[in-house]
Each structure stands twice: as C-alpha cells, then as structure tokens.
Amino acid sequence: MSCQVTVLYFARSAELVGLRSESVCVPQRISSLQLWEEIVKIHPRLAAIRDQVVFAVRQEYVLLGDQLLVLQPGDEVAIIPPISGG
C-alpha cells in the first residue's frame, strides 16, 4: 500500500528542489533510506547532500538506513540538511 505524505524541505534542500513542501506518494512501509531514494528520484539534485541530510518523520529525527518506517497518510517528512556554523 502507498500513502501521500508531505515532504518539507529546509535550507539547502529547499534551494536544490526549489520548493518548501510537496505531497509525495510512497509505500506505507519503507525504510528511511528507501524513502530518501524515492525523493531523490523526484529531485535528483538532492543526491548532492545525501551524506549530510537528516530526516524528521512526525517531528522525530530518523537516520538514513534500514530503519523501517510505517507512514500514515498526511505524515510530515522533513529533509533537514546540516546547519553550517561559523
């Protein structure tokens, strides 16, 4: 089954995508890494920040990896690049 989630883009990810948010249809049961790959299919330029990005799903941080996410329709997935200091 798939569901619509809202992807929120912040900082560098918003610059690369040219959007602040959008609705994306993804499998309901998906690993965080697979979710990232689905989003990169839509916006290939995001691949540039792959090693620096952090996800937040329902306002909880998630590392990219094998962690299984069970998404609900309307969930918010935030793409948060590192905030560069200095």
N, C-alpha and C. Protein backbone atom coordinates (compact mmCIF):
# COMPACT_ATOMS: atom_id res chain seq x y z
N MET A 1 0.84 -1.20 0.00
CA MET A 1 0.00 0.00 0.00
C MET A 1 0.87 1.25 0.00
N SER A 2 0.38 2.26 -0.64
CA SER A 2 1.12 3.52 -0.63
C SER A 2 0.27 4.60 0.01
N CYS A 3 0.93 5.68 0.39
CA CYS A 3 0.20 6.77 1.01
C CYS A 3 0.84 8.10 0.65
N GLN A 4 0.05 9.15 0.76
CA GLN A 4 0.52 10.50 0.49
C GLN A 4 1.14 11.07 1.76
N VAL A 5 2.37 11.53 1.65
CA VAL A 5 3.00 12.22 2.77
C VAL A 5 3.41 13.61 2.29
N THR A 6 3.58 14.51 3.23
CA THR A 6 4.04 15.86 2.90
C THR A 6 5.52 15.93 3.19
N VAL A 7 6.30 16.25 2.16
CA VAL A 7 7.74 16.38 2.33
C VAL A 7 8.05 17.87 2.49
N LEU A 8 8.72 18.19 3.59
CA LEU A 8 9.11 19.58 3.86
C LEU A 8 10.60 19.73 3.61
N TYR A 9 10.95 20.75 2.85
CA TYR A 9 12.36 20.98 2.51
C TYR A 9 12.85 22.21 3.26
N PHE A 10 14.03 22.09 3.87
CA PHE A 10 14.62 23.18 4.62
C PHE A 10 16.00 23.52 4.08
N ALA A 11 16.39 24.78 4.22
CA ALA A 11 17.74 25.25 3.93
C ALA A 11 18.20 24.79 2.55
N ARG A 12 19.33 24.10 2.50
CA ARG A 12 19.93 23.70 1.22
C ARG A 12 19.00 22.80 0.41
N SER A 13 18.26 21.92 1.07
CA SER A 13 17.37 21.04 0.31
C SER A 13 16.29 21.85 -0.41
N ALA A 14 15.79 22.91 0.23
CA ALA A 14 14.79 23.76 -0.42
C ALA A 14 15.40 24.49 -1.62
N GLU A 15 16.66 24.92 -1.48
CA GLU A 15 17.33 25.57 -2.61
C GLU A 15 17.48 24.62 -3.78
N LEU A 16 17.88 23.39 -3.51
CA LEU A 16 18.10 22.40 -4.58
C LEU A 16 16.80 22.02 -5.28
N VAL A 17 15.73 21.93 -4.51
CA VAL A 17 14.45 21.47 -5.05
C VAL A 17 13.64 22.63 -5.63
N GLY A 18 13.82 23.81 -5.05
CA GLY A 18 13.03 24.96 -5.49
C GLY A 18 11.63 24.97 -4.89
N LEU A 19 11.43 24.20 -3.85
CA LEU A 19 10.12 24.11 -3.17
C LEU A 19 10.33 24.11 -1.67
N ARG A 20 9.31 24.51 -0.95
CA ARG A 20 9.33 24.40 0.52
C ARG A 20 8.67 23.10 0.96
N SER A 21 7.67 22.67 0.20
CA SER A 21 6.98 21.43 0.56
C SER A 21 6.25 20.89 -0.66
N GLU A 22 5.94 19.60 -0.61
CA GLU A 22 5.13 18.99 -1.66
C GLU A 22 4.56 17.68 -1.13
N SER A 23 3.55 17.21 -1.82
CA SER A 23 2.93 15.94 -1.46
C SER A 23 3.52 14.84 -2.34
N VAL A 24 3.91 13.73 -1.73
CA VAL A 24 4.56 12.64 -2.44
C VAL A 24 3.87 11.33 -2.07
N CYS A 25 3.70 10.46 -3.05
CA CYS A 25 3.10 9.15 -2.80
C CYS A 25 4.22 8.12 -2.67
N VAL A 26 4.31 7.48 -1.52
CA VAL A 26 5.36 6.50 -1.25
C VAL A 26 4.75 5.26 -0.59
N PRO A 27 5.48 4.12 -0.62
CA PRO A 27 4.97 2.94 0.09
C PRO A 27 4.77 3.25 1.58
N GLN A 28 3.74 2.65 2.15
CA GLN A 28 3.44 2.91 3.56
C GLN A 28 4.51 2.33 4.48
N ARG A 29 5.03 1.17 4.12
CA ARG A 29 6.12 0.55 4.90
C ARG A 29 7.38 0.67 4.07
N ILE A 30 8.33 1.45 4.57
CA ILE A 30 9.51 1.76 3.77
C ILE A 30 10.65 2.08 4.73
N SER A 31 11.86 1.72 4.35
CA SER A 31 12.99 2.10 5.21
C SER A 31 13.31 3.56 4.97
N SER A 32 13.98 4.17 5.93
CA SER A 32 14.31 5.59 5.78
C SER A 32 15.19 5.81 4.55
N LEU A 33 16.09 4.87 4.27
CA LEU A 33 16.96 5.01 3.10
C LEU A 33 16.15 4.89 1.80
N GLN A 34 15.21 3.96 1.76
CA GLN A 34 14.37 3.82 0.57
C GLN A 34 13.52 5.07 0.37
N LEU A 35 13.04 5.66 1.47
CA LEU A 35 12.26 6.88 1.37
C LEU A 35 13.11 8.00 0.76
N TRP A 36 14.34 8.12 1.23
CA TRP A 36 15.27 9.11 0.66
C TRP A 36 15.44 8.86 -0.85
N GLU A 37 15.63 7.59 -1.22
CA GLU A 37 15.83 7.27 -2.64
C GLU A 37 14.60 7.62 -3.48
N GLU A 38 13.41 7.43 -2.93
CA GLU A 38 12.18 7.81 -3.64
C GLU A 38 12.15 9.31 -3.89
N ILE A 39 12.55 10.08 -2.88
CA ILE A 39 12.54 11.53 -3.01
C ILE A 39 13.62 11.99 -4.01
N VAL A 40 14.78 11.33 -3.99
CA VAL A 40 15.85 11.68 -4.92
C VAL A 40 15.45 11.34 -6.37
N LYS A 41 14.62 10.31 -6.55
CA LYS A 41 14.12 10.02 -7.90
C LYS A 41 13.34 11.21 -8.46
N ILE A 42 12.59 11.87 -7.59
CA ILE A 42 11.79 13.02 -8.00
C ILE A 42 12.70 14.25 -8.18
N HIS A 43 13.68 14.38 -7.29
CA HIS A 43 14.58 15.55 -7.30
C HIS A 43 16.04 15.08 -7.26
N PRO A 44 16.59 14.69 -8.42
CA PRO A 44 17.94 14.12 -8.45
C PRO A 44 19.01 15.04 -7.86
N ARG A 45 18.80 16.34 -7.87
CA ARG A 45 19.81 17.26 -7.33
C ARG A 45 20.03 17.06 -5.84
N LEU A 46 19.07 16.46 -5.15
CA LEU A 46 19.23 16.22 -3.71
C LEU A 46 20.34 15.21 -3.42
N ALA A 47 20.72 14.41 -4.40
CA ALA A 47 21.78 13.43 -4.18
C ALA A 47 23.06 14.10 -3.69
N ALA A 48 23.24 15.37 -4.01
CA ALA A 48 24.44 16.11 -3.61
C ALA A 48 24.59 16.22 -2.09
N ILE A 49 23.48 16.17 -1.36
CA ILE A 49 23.55 16.34 0.10
C ILE A 49 23.27 15.03 0.84
N ARG A 50 23.32 13.92 0.12
CA ARG A 50 22.98 12.61 0.68
C ARG A 50 23.69 12.31 2.01
N ASP A 51 24.97 12.62 2.09
CA ASP A 51 25.74 12.23 3.28
C ASP A 51 25.57 13.18 4.44
N GLN A 52 24.84 14.25 4.25
CA GLN A 52 24.74 15.27 5.29
C GLN A 52 23.32 15.42 5.82
N VAL A 53 22.39 14.75 5.17
CA VAL A 53 20.98 15.05 5.44
C VAL A 53 20.45 14.27 6.65
N VAL A 54 19.51 14.87 7.35
CA VAL A 54 18.78 14.20 8.43
C VAL A 54 17.30 14.29 8.08
N PHE A 55 16.59 13.22 8.35
CA PHE A 55 15.14 13.19 8.18
C PHE A 55 14.48 13.45 9.52
N ALA A 56 13.32 14.04 9.49
CA ALA A 56 12.45 14.03 10.65
C ALA A 56 11.09 13.53 10.15
N VAL A 57 10.59 12.48 10.79
CA VAL A 57 9.29 11.93 10.43
C VAL A 57 8.39 12.13 11.64
N ARG A 58 7.27 12.80 11.43
CA ARG A 58 6.38 13.17 12.55
C ARG A 58 7.19 13.86 13.65
N GLN A 59 8.09 14.74 13.23
CA GLN A 59 8.90 15.57 14.14
C GLN A 59 9.86 14.77 15.01
N GLU A 60 10.22 13.57 14.57
CA GLU A 60 11.26 12.80 15.27
C GLU A 60 12.38 12.52 14.29
N TYR A 61 13.62 12.75 14.73
CA TYR A 61 14.76 12.54 13.85
C TYR A 61 14.93 11.07 13.50
N VAL A 62 15.29 10.83 12.24
CA VAL A 62 15.50 9.48 11.72
C VAL A 62 16.78 9.52 10.89
N LEU A 63 17.69 8.59 11.16
CA LEU A 63 18.89 8.50 10.34
C LEU A 63 18.58 7.70 9.08
N LEU A 64 19.30 8.00 7.99
CA LEU A 64 19.12 7.23 6.77
C LEU A 64 19.70 5.85 6.99
N GLY A 65 18.92 4.83 6.71
CA GLY A 65 19.40 3.47 6.92
C GLY A 65 18.27 2.47 6.77
N ASP A 66 18.40 1.35 7.49
CA ASP A 66 17.45 0.26 7.34
C ASP A 66 16.24 0.38 8.26
N GLN A 67 16.19 1.44 9.06
CA GLN A 67 15.08 1.59 9.99
C GLN A 67 13.75 1.62 9.23
N LEU A 68 12.84 0.73 9.61
CA LEU A 68 11.55 0.65 8.93
C LEU A 68 10.63 1.75 9.45
N LEU A 69 10.05 2.48 8.51
CA LEU A 69 9.06 3.49 8.86
C LEU A 69 7.70 2.96 8.44
N VAL A 70 6.70 3.18 9.27
CA VAL A 70 5.33 2.87 8.89
C VAL A 70 4.61 4.21 8.81
N LEU A 71 4.45 4.67 7.58
CA LEU A 71 3.90 6.01 7.36
C LEU A 71 2.38 5.98 7.33
N GLN A 72 1.81 7.06 7.76
CA GLN A 72 0.36 7.24 7.69
C GLN A 72 0.07 8.37 6.70
N PRO A 73 -1.06 8.30 6.00
CA PRO A 73 -1.39 9.38 5.09
C PRO A 73 -1.37 10.73 5.82
N GLY A 74 -0.72 11.70 5.19
CA GLY A 74 -0.65 13.03 5.79
C GLY A 74 0.55 13.24 6.69
N ASP A 75 1.35 12.19 6.94
CA ASP A 75 2.55 12.38 7.76
C ASP A 75 3.46 13.43 7.13
N GLU A 76 4.19 14.13 7.98
CA GLU A 76 5.18 15.09 7.51
C GLU A 76 6.57 14.47 7.59
N VAL A 77 7.29 14.56 6.49
CA VAL A 77 8.67 14.11 6.41
C VAL A 77 9.51 15.34 6.11
N ALA A 78 10.38 15.72 7.02
CA ALA A 78 11.21 16.90 6.83
C ALA A 78 12.61 16.48 6.40
N ILE A 79 13.14 17.19 5.42
CA ILE A 79 14.51 16.98 4.95
C ILE A 79 15.33 18.12 5.53
N ILE A 80 16.23 17.79 6.44
CA ILE A 80 16.96 18.83 7.17
C ILE A 80 18.45 18.67 6.91
N PRO A 81 19.01 19.52 6.06
CA PRO A 81 20.45 19.48 5.86
C PRO A 81 21.13 20.04 7.09
N PRO A 82 22.43 19.80 7.25
CA PRO A 82 23.12 20.34 8.41
C PRO A 82 23.11 21.86 8.37
N ILE A 83 23.00 22.46 9.50
CA ILE A 83 23.09 23.91 9.59
C ILE A 83 24.57 24.22 9.75
N SER A 84 25.15 24.89 8.77
CA SER A 84 26.58 25.14 8.85
C SER A 84 26.84 26.29 9.82
N GLY A 85 27.80 26.08 10.68
CA GLY A 85 28.14 27.10 11.67
C GLY A 85 29.29 27.97 11.17
N GLY A 86 29.58 29.02 11.93
CA GLY A 86 30.75 29.83 11.62
C GLY A 86 30.40 30.94 10.73
